[in-house]
Amino acid sequence: MTMPRRRRDDLARRLVETNHNARIRCWVFQCPEPPGNASGRGLGRFCRKHLEHYRRHGDPLKESYNATKANPYRRAAATWLRRNAQDRFVQAALKRIEGLMIGAGQAIAPRNLRGVAAKDKARSVWARLRNREVAAKDILAAILGVAMCHAADTQRGRVEYLRVQIAKVLSRMAGGEVKRWPTHHTDPTLPKETVLRWFPASEGLVLRDLGKAAELAAEFIIHERMEALLVTADQQRIRKASRTIRSLANSAKPRSNP
């Protein structure tokens, strides 16, 4: 029996057997459900609910950053990059990102990603970003924006959570695939075209591989320039608050009759 066959059979056996030496409850505090390795429904230390949350978000409890929270940091990162385009760390990060896109090879269509290895799926994201002609500076701004959001988070997750959040943003930037075909029929109530959409699932090992490569591309900026990035974000936040206050003050002034 070959090694891949033995590994596959061993995994299939462990997925259905019950480990009596495992923990009785899920590792998440106050979760009463049994973990997968104690219930015979998986291998993980978390219950099914928290395991799926961990696969999608990088943390069994913490939710992903939404656009309302992350976009201000992305705009601040883009502003800082424009002001510091000649910084050696910025130049190095842009070269790394360009290298990742150039070396990604041919993109795999999202409809053909089922069954593909996680590393190839991550590589395909870089290829789709290249095919969509996304600028390296925009990708770097997205990476730094998520890193800034993570650094400013008072309840930040682990490094894995940061990498997953970066990968989710890049996956959205890479987009999916949409196919349209006109339909020919005489019934006016039926749609005039057939639309099929494929968008890769944002979960699993592919997010870890993609996020790790992106974080390593910008690691010098993240570790050496984070303070300056956060200062830029605070300045933009203060200016926005000042404009809002002035606007409210002007709207509250009584209008003089002519």
Protein backbone atom coordinates (compact mmCIF):
# COMPACT_ATOMS: atom_id res chain seq x y z
CA MET A 1 0.00 0.00 0.00
CA THR A 2 1.40 3.39 -0.98
CA MET A 3 2.02 6.19 1.52
CA PRO A 4 -0.83 8.47 0.23
CA ARG A 5 -3.23 5.54 0.42
CA ARG A 6 -2.21 4.71 3.99
CA ARG A 7 -2.57 8.36 5.03
CA ARG A 8 -6.01 8.57 3.42
CA ASP A 9 -7.21 5.38 5.10
CA ASP A 10 -5.81 6.51 8.47
CA LEU A 11 -7.56 9.87 8.16
CA ALA A 12 -10.86 8.21 7.22
CA ARG A 13 -10.58 5.93 10.27
CA ARG A 14 -9.80 8.78 12.70
CA LEU A 15 -12.64 10.93 11.37
CA VAL A 16 -15.28 8.47 12.55
CA GLU A 17 -13.74 6.97 15.68
CA THR A 18 -14.20 8.41 19.14
CA ASN A 19 -11.12 9.35 21.16
CA HIS A 20 -12.01 8.54 24.77
CA ASN A 21 -8.94 10.42 26.04
CA ALA A 22 -10.03 13.69 24.43
CA ARG A 23 -11.54 16.65 26.27
CA ILE A 24 -15.20 16.31 27.10
CA ARG A 25 -16.11 19.82 25.96
CA CYS A 26 -15.09 22.22 23.21
CA TRP A 27 -12.01 24.30 23.98
CA VAL A 28 -14.00 27.53 23.71
CA PHE A 29 -14.86 28.78 27.19
CA GLN A 30 -18.38 27.83 28.37
CA CYS A 31 -19.20 25.92 25.18
CA PRO A 32 -21.06 22.75 26.26
CA GLU A 33 -20.63 20.90 22.95
CA PRO A 34 -18.05 18.10 22.61
CA PRO A 35 -15.06 18.64 20.31
CA GLY A 36 -14.71 16.74 17.08
CA ASN A 37 -12.08 14.32 18.37
CA ALA A 38 -14.36 13.30 21.24
CA SER A 39 -17.62 13.00 19.31
CA GLY A 40 -16.43 11.02 16.30
CA ARG A 41 -17.32 13.90 13.95
CA GLY A 42 -13.88 15.26 13.16
CA LEU A 43 -10.35 15.71 14.46
CA GLY A 44 -10.38 19.22 15.89
CA ARG A 45 -10.38 20.47 19.43
CA PHE A 46 -13.43 22.65 18.76
CA CYS A 47 -17.05 21.73 18.27
CA ARG A 48 -18.53 21.87 14.79
CA LYS A 49 -19.84 25.43 15.19
CA HIS A 50 -16.60 26.94 16.45
CA LEU A 51 -14.50 24.90 14.05
CA GLU A 52 -16.37 26.33 11.05
CA HIS A 53 -16.03 29.84 12.50
CA TYR A 54 -12.31 29.26 12.97
CA ARG A 55 -11.90 28.09 9.35
CA ARG A 56 -13.68 31.17 7.97
CA HIS A 57 -12.38 33.92 10.26
CA GLY A 58 -9.09 32.69 11.77
CA ASP A 59 -10.47 32.68 15.31
CA PRO A 60 -13.15 30.48 16.93
CA LEU A 61 -14.98 33.49 18.40
CA LYS A 62 -13.81 36.78 16.84
CA GLU A 63 -15.66 38.06 13.77
CA SER A 64 -13.92 39.38 10.67
CA TYR A 65 -13.33 43.10 10.24
CA ASN A 66 -16.12 44.71 8.24
CA ALA A 67 -15.69 47.46 5.67
CA THR A 68 -16.84 50.17 8.08
CA LYS A 69 -13.96 49.38 10.42
CA ALA A 70 -11.24 48.54 7.91
CA ASN A 71 -11.77 51.09 5.11
CA PRO A 72 -10.63 54.17 7.09
CA TYR A 73 -7.34 52.42 7.78
CA ARG A 74 -7.00 51.43 4.13
CA ARG A 75 -7.46 55.06 3.07
CA ALA A 76 -4.91 56.17 5.67
CA ALA A 77 -2.47 53.54 4.41
CA ALA A 78 -2.92 54.74 0.82
CA THR A 79 -2.25 58.33 1.93
CA TRP A 80 0.89 57.30 3.83
CA LEU A 81 2.17 55.31 0.85
CA ARG A 82 1.76 58.31 -1.46
CA ARG A 83 3.74 60.48 0.96
CA ASN A 84 6.46 57.87 1.48
CA ALA A 85 6.76 56.35 -1.99
CA GLN A 86 10.57 56.53 -1.80
CA ASP A 87 10.83 54.70 1.51
CA ARG A 88 13.08 51.66 1.11
CA PHE A 89 10.61 49.42 2.91
CA VAL A 90 7.80 50.55 0.62
CA GLN A 91 9.90 49.90 -2.46
CA ALA A 92 10.84 46.44 -1.18
CA ALA A 93 7.21 45.55 -0.41
CA LEU A 94 6.02 46.66 -3.85
CA LYS A 95 8.72 44.57 -5.51
CA ARG A 96 7.69 41.54 -3.47
CA ILE A 97 4.02 41.94 -4.38
CA GLU A 98 4.85 42.39 -8.05
CA GLY A 99 6.99 39.26 -7.85
CA LEU A 100 4.13 37.28 -6.32
CA MET A 101 1.79 38.34 -9.14
CA ILE A 102 4.33 37.76 -11.92
CA GLY A 103 5.34 34.37 -10.57
CA ALA A 104 1.78 33.16 -10.01
CA GLY A 105 1.54 31.61 -13.46
CA GLN A 106 -1.77 31.07 -15.20
CA ALA A 107 -4.91 31.84 -13.23
CA ILE A 108 -7.27 28.98 -12.44
CA ALA A 109 -10.88 29.84 -13.22
CA PRO A 110 -12.97 29.99 -10.02
CA ARG A 111 -15.33 27.37 -11.42
CA ASN A 112 -12.41 24.91 -11.65
CA LEU A 113 -11.01 25.39 -8.14
CA ARG A 114 -12.81 22.44 -6.58
CA GLY A 115 -10.28 19.79 -5.59
CA VAL A 116 -7.26 22.05 -6.17
CA ALA A 117 -4.55 22.19 -3.49
CA ALA A 118 -4.64 25.16 -1.11
CA LYS A 119 -1.27 26.52 -2.28
CA ASP A 120 -2.45 26.48 -5.90
CA LYS A 121 -5.66 28.27 -4.90
CA ALA A 122 -3.62 30.94 -3.13
CA ARG A 123 -1.36 31.29 -6.17
CA SER A 124 -4.44 31.67 -8.37
CA VAL A 125 -5.57 34.66 -6.29
CA TRP A 126 -2.33 36.48 -7.14
CA ALA A 127 -2.80 35.53 -10.80
CA ARG A 128 -6.36 36.90 -10.84
CA LEU A 129 -5.17 40.13 -9.24
CA ARG A 130 -2.59 40.42 -12.01
CA ASN A 131 -5.16 39.68 -14.72
CA ARG A 132 -7.48 42.32 -13.31
CA GLU A 133 -4.56 44.79 -13.43
CA VAL A 134 -4.80 45.65 -9.74
CA ALA A 135 -1.90 47.94 -8.89
CA ALA A 136 0.67 46.70 -6.41
CA LYS A 137 0.26 49.89 -4.37
CA ASP A 138 -3.46 49.19 -3.96
CA ILE A 139 -2.72 45.66 -2.78
CA LEU A 140 -0.12 46.99 -0.35
CA ALA A 141 -2.58 49.60 0.94
CA ALA A 142 -5.13 46.83 1.57
CA ILE A 143 -2.56 44.71 3.43
CA LEU A 144 -1.41 47.62 5.57
CA GLY A 145 -4.98 48.74 6.22
CA VAL A 146 -5.87 45.37 7.73
CA ALA A 147 -2.61 45.29 9.69
CA MET A 148 -3.37 48.77 11.08
CA CYS A 149 -6.89 47.71 12.02
CA HIS A 150 -5.41 44.69 13.80
CA ALA A 151 -2.79 46.79 15.59
CA ALA A 152 -5.41 49.27 16.80
CA ASP A 153 -7.75 46.49 17.97
CA THR A 154 -7.81 46.27 21.77
CA GLN A 155 -8.87 42.61 21.52
CA ARG A 156 -6.73 41.61 18.57
CA GLY A 157 -6.44 38.01 17.54
CA ARG A 158 -3.31 35.99 16.90
CA VAL A 159 -1.05 36.23 13.86
CA GLU A 160 -3.20 33.63 12.10
CA TYR A 161 -6.25 35.87 12.51
CA LEU A 162 -4.34 38.79 10.91
CA ARG A 163 -3.28 36.64 7.97
CA VAL A 164 -6.80 35.35 7.41
CA GLN A 165 -8.20 38.90 7.44
CA ILE A 166 -5.61 40.04 4.90
CA ALA A 167 -6.39 37.06 2.69
CA LYS A 168 -10.13 37.72 2.79
CA VAL A 169 -9.58 41.29 1.56
CA LEU A 170 -7.29 40.13 -1.25
CA SER A 171 -9.79 37.43 -2.27
CA ARG A 172 -12.51 40.06 -2.61
CA MET A 173 -10.16 42.23 -4.67
CA ALA A 174 -9.40 39.28 -6.95
CA GLY A 175 -13.11 38.77 -7.57
CA GLY A 176 -14.83 35.76 -9.07
CA GLU A 177 -16.24 34.75 -12.42
CA VAL A 178 -19.54 35.65 -14.08
CA LYS A 179 -20.84 34.12 -17.30
CA ARG A 180 -23.85 35.44 -19.22
CA TRP A 181 -25.75 33.89 -22.13
CA PRO A 182 -28.73 35.44 -23.92
CA THR A 183 -31.88 33.34 -23.91
CA HIS A 184 -34.26 33.20 -26.87
CA HIS A 185 -37.90 32.53 -26.09
CA THR A 186 -41.28 34.11 -26.65
CA ASP A 187 -42.38 34.32 -23.01
CA PRO A 188 -41.78 37.93 -21.84
CA THR A 189 -41.92 36.89 -18.17
CA LEU A 190 -38.77 34.78 -18.44
CA PRO A 191 -35.32 36.36 -18.03
CA LYS A 192 -33.60 37.52 -21.19
CA GLU A 193 -30.26 36.04 -20.19
CA THR A 194 -28.80 33.23 -18.12
CA VAL A 195 -26.25 34.29 -15.50
CA LEU A 196 -23.88 31.93 -13.69
CA ARG A 197 -21.60 33.18 -10.93
CA TRP A 198 -18.62 31.49 -9.29
CA PHE A 199 -16.87 32.98 -6.27
CA PRO A 200 -14.23 31.00 -4.35
CA ALA A 201 -15.14 30.03 -0.80
CA SER A 202 -13.32 32.28 1.66
CA GLU A 203 -12.25 29.64 4.18
CA GLY A 204 -9.69 27.00 4.99
CA LEU A 205 -5.98 26.62 4.37
CA VAL A 206 -6.00 28.82 1.27
CA LEU A 207 -6.56 31.88 3.47
CA ARG A 208 -3.61 30.93 5.65
CA ASP A 209 -1.26 30.44 2.68
CA LEU A 210 -2.40 33.61 0.92
CA GLY A 211 -2.31 35.73 4.07
CA LYS A 212 1.14 34.49 5.05
CA ALA A 213 2.62 35.42 1.67
CA ALA A 214 0.98 38.86 1.78
CA GLU A 215 2.09 39.56 5.34
CA LEU A 216 5.68 38.54 4.58
CA ALA A 217 5.67 40.86 1.56
CA ALA A 218 4.89 43.84 3.81
CA GLU A 219 6.56 42.64 7.02
CA PHE A 220 9.17 45.42 7.19
CA ILE A 221 6.52 48.16 6.93
CA ILE A 222 4.28 46.40 9.45
CA HIS A 223 7.07 46.07 12.00
CA GLU A 224 9.02 49.29 11.37
CA ARG A 225 6.44 51.84 10.19
CA MET A 226 3.27 50.90 12.05
CA GLU A 227 3.48 53.84 14.46
CA ALA A 228 3.68 56.33 11.59
CA LEU A 229 0.77 54.61 9.84
CA LEU A 230 -1.42 54.82 12.93
CA VAL A 231 -0.54 58.50 13.37
CA THR A 232 -1.73 59.13 9.80
CA ALA A 233 -4.98 57.30 10.54
CA ASP A 234 -5.52 59.38 13.71
CA GLN A 235 -4.90 62.61 11.80
CA GLN A 236 -7.44 61.69 9.15
CA ARG A 237 -9.95 60.75 11.82
CA ILE A 238 -9.49 64.10 13.56
CA ARG A 239 -9.88 66.03 10.30
CA LYS A 240 -13.05 64.12 9.47
CA ALA A 241 -14.48 64.81 12.93
CA SER A 242 -13.62 68.52 12.58
CA ARG A 243 -15.39 68.73 9.22
CA THR A 244 -18.43 67.03 10.70
CA ILE A 245 -18.52 69.43 13.66
CA ARG A 246 -18.18 72.48 11.39
CA SER A 247 -20.93 71.16 9.14
CA LEU A 248 -23.28 70.64 12.09
CA ALA A 249 -22.44 74.07 13.48
CA ASN A 250 -23.14 75.77 10.16
CA SER A 251 -26.45 73.93 9.75
CA ALA A 252 -27.51 74.97 13.27
CA LYS A 253 -26.96 78.69 12.66
CA PRO A 254 -30.21 80.61 12.23
CA ARG A 255 -30.67 81.93 8.75
CA SER A 256 -30.98 85.72 8.49
CA ASN A 257 -34.02 87.00 6.60
CA PRO A 258 -33.20 89.15 3.57
